[in-house]
Amino acid sequence: MAIGFVLMTTYPGCEHEVLNALSSIALVTNHWMLFGEYDLIARVQAEEEFDLTRCIVEDIRSLPGLKETKTLIGAEL
C-alpha cells in the first residue's frame, strides 16, 4: 500500500474550486482546507507506488487554480 500527502497552495480565491475537484479523483481518500502556509492537503492512497505518483503528477498537479504543491510519501520501514 502506498500513501502520500499533498500540500497545496492555490491562487487567491481558488481554494473551493480545487477542493471540489479533489473530490472527483479516485485515489484521493481525504482532503481538507488549511490555514497557514498551505491552503489544502489531500491524502492519496494506492495499491502501488506507481499509481500513487501517477495520480499526483497527472491528476492533482494539473488542477486549474493550483499554484504549487509539496508531496510527502509515506515509507514502510
Protein backbone atom coordinates (compact mmCIF):
# COMPACT_ATOMS: atom_id res chain seq x y z
CA MET A 1 0.00 0.00 0.00
CA ALA A 2 1.34 3.45 -0.94
CA ILE A 3 0.18 6.59 0.86
CA GLY A 4 1.04 10.20 0.18
CA PHE A 5 0.00 13.62 1.40
CA VAL A 6 -0.07 16.55 -1.00
CA LEU A 7 0.16 20.05 0.46
CA MET A 8 -1.23 22.64 -1.95
CA THR A 9 -1.13 26.38 -2.44
CA THR A 10 -3.84 27.80 -4.68
CA TYR A 11 -4.22 31.09 -6.47
CA PRO A 12 -6.28 33.54 -4.39
CA GLY A 13 -9.96 32.65 -4.41
CA CYS A 14 -9.46 29.19 -5.97
CA GLU A 15 -9.47 27.15 -2.74
CA HIS A 16 -13.04 25.86 -3.10
CA GLU A 17 -12.61 25.11 -6.81
CA VAL A 18 -9.55 22.94 -6.15
CA LEU A 19 -11.15 21.32 -3.08
CA ASN A 20 -14.21 20.32 -5.14
CA ALA A 21 -12.03 18.97 -7.95
CA LEU A 22 -10.14 16.76 -5.49
CA SER A 23 -13.45 15.00 -4.70
CA SER A 24 -13.57 13.60 -8.23
CA ILE A 25 -10.10 11.98 -8.10
CA ALA A 26 -10.48 8.30 -7.23
CA LEU A 27 -7.22 7.84 -5.29
CA VAL A 28 -7.80 10.91 -3.09
CA THR A 29 -9.19 9.37 0.09
CA ASN A 30 -9.49 12.59 2.15
CA HIS A 31 -8.89 16.29 1.71
CA TRP A 32 -9.00 19.31 4.00
CA MET A 33 -8.77 23.08 3.77
CA LEU A 34 -5.94 24.52 5.88
CA PHE A 35 -4.99 27.81 7.46
CA GLY A 36 -1.33 28.75 7.34
CA GLU A 37 1.42 28.28 4.77
CA TYR A 38 -0.68 25.88 2.64
CA ASP A 39 -4.32 26.15 1.56
CA LEU A 40 -5.22 22.45 1.16
CA ILE A 41 -3.98 18.97 1.97
CA ALA A 42 -5.02 15.72 0.30
CA ARG A 43 -4.41 12.13 1.36
CA VAL A 44 -3.75 9.88 -1.63
CA GLN A 45 -3.73 6.09 -1.38
CA ALA A 46 -3.00 3.39 -3.96
CA GLU A 47 -2.00 -0.25 -4.06
CA GLU A 48 1.21 0.52 -5.94
CA GLU A 49 3.58 3.48 -5.66
CA PHE A 50 3.49 3.91 -9.45
CA ASP A 51 -0.27 4.57 -9.33
CA LEU A 52 0.18 6.96 -6.42
CA THR A 53 2.81 9.06 -8.18
CA ARG A 54 0.87 8.99 -11.47
CA CYS A 55 -2.21 10.35 -9.67
CA ILE A 56 -0.21 13.12 -8.01
CA VAL A 57 1.65 14.17 -11.17
CA GLU A 58 -1.12 13.76 -13.74
CA ASP A 59 -4.37 14.30 -11.84
CA ILE A 60 -3.63 16.58 -8.90
CA ARG A 61 -0.84 18.83 -10.16
CA SER A 62 -2.80 19.65 -13.33
CA LEU A 63 -5.85 21.03 -11.48
CA PRO A 64 -6.84 24.55 -12.51
CA GLY A 65 -6.29 27.10 -9.74
CA LEU A 66 -3.39 25.19 -8.22
CA LYS A 67 -0.24 27.25 -7.81
CA GLU A 68 2.21 24.96 -6.01
CA THR A 69 2.39 21.53 -4.36
CA LYS A 70 4.62 19.74 -1.87
CA THR A 71 4.30 15.97 -1.65
CA LEU A 72 5.12 13.73 1.29
CA ILE A 73 5.28 9.99 0.55
CA GLY A 74 4.88 7.57 3.43
CA ALA A 75 7.65 4.98 3.85
CA GLU A 76 7.39 1.47 5.22
CA LEU A 77 10.46 0.58 7.26
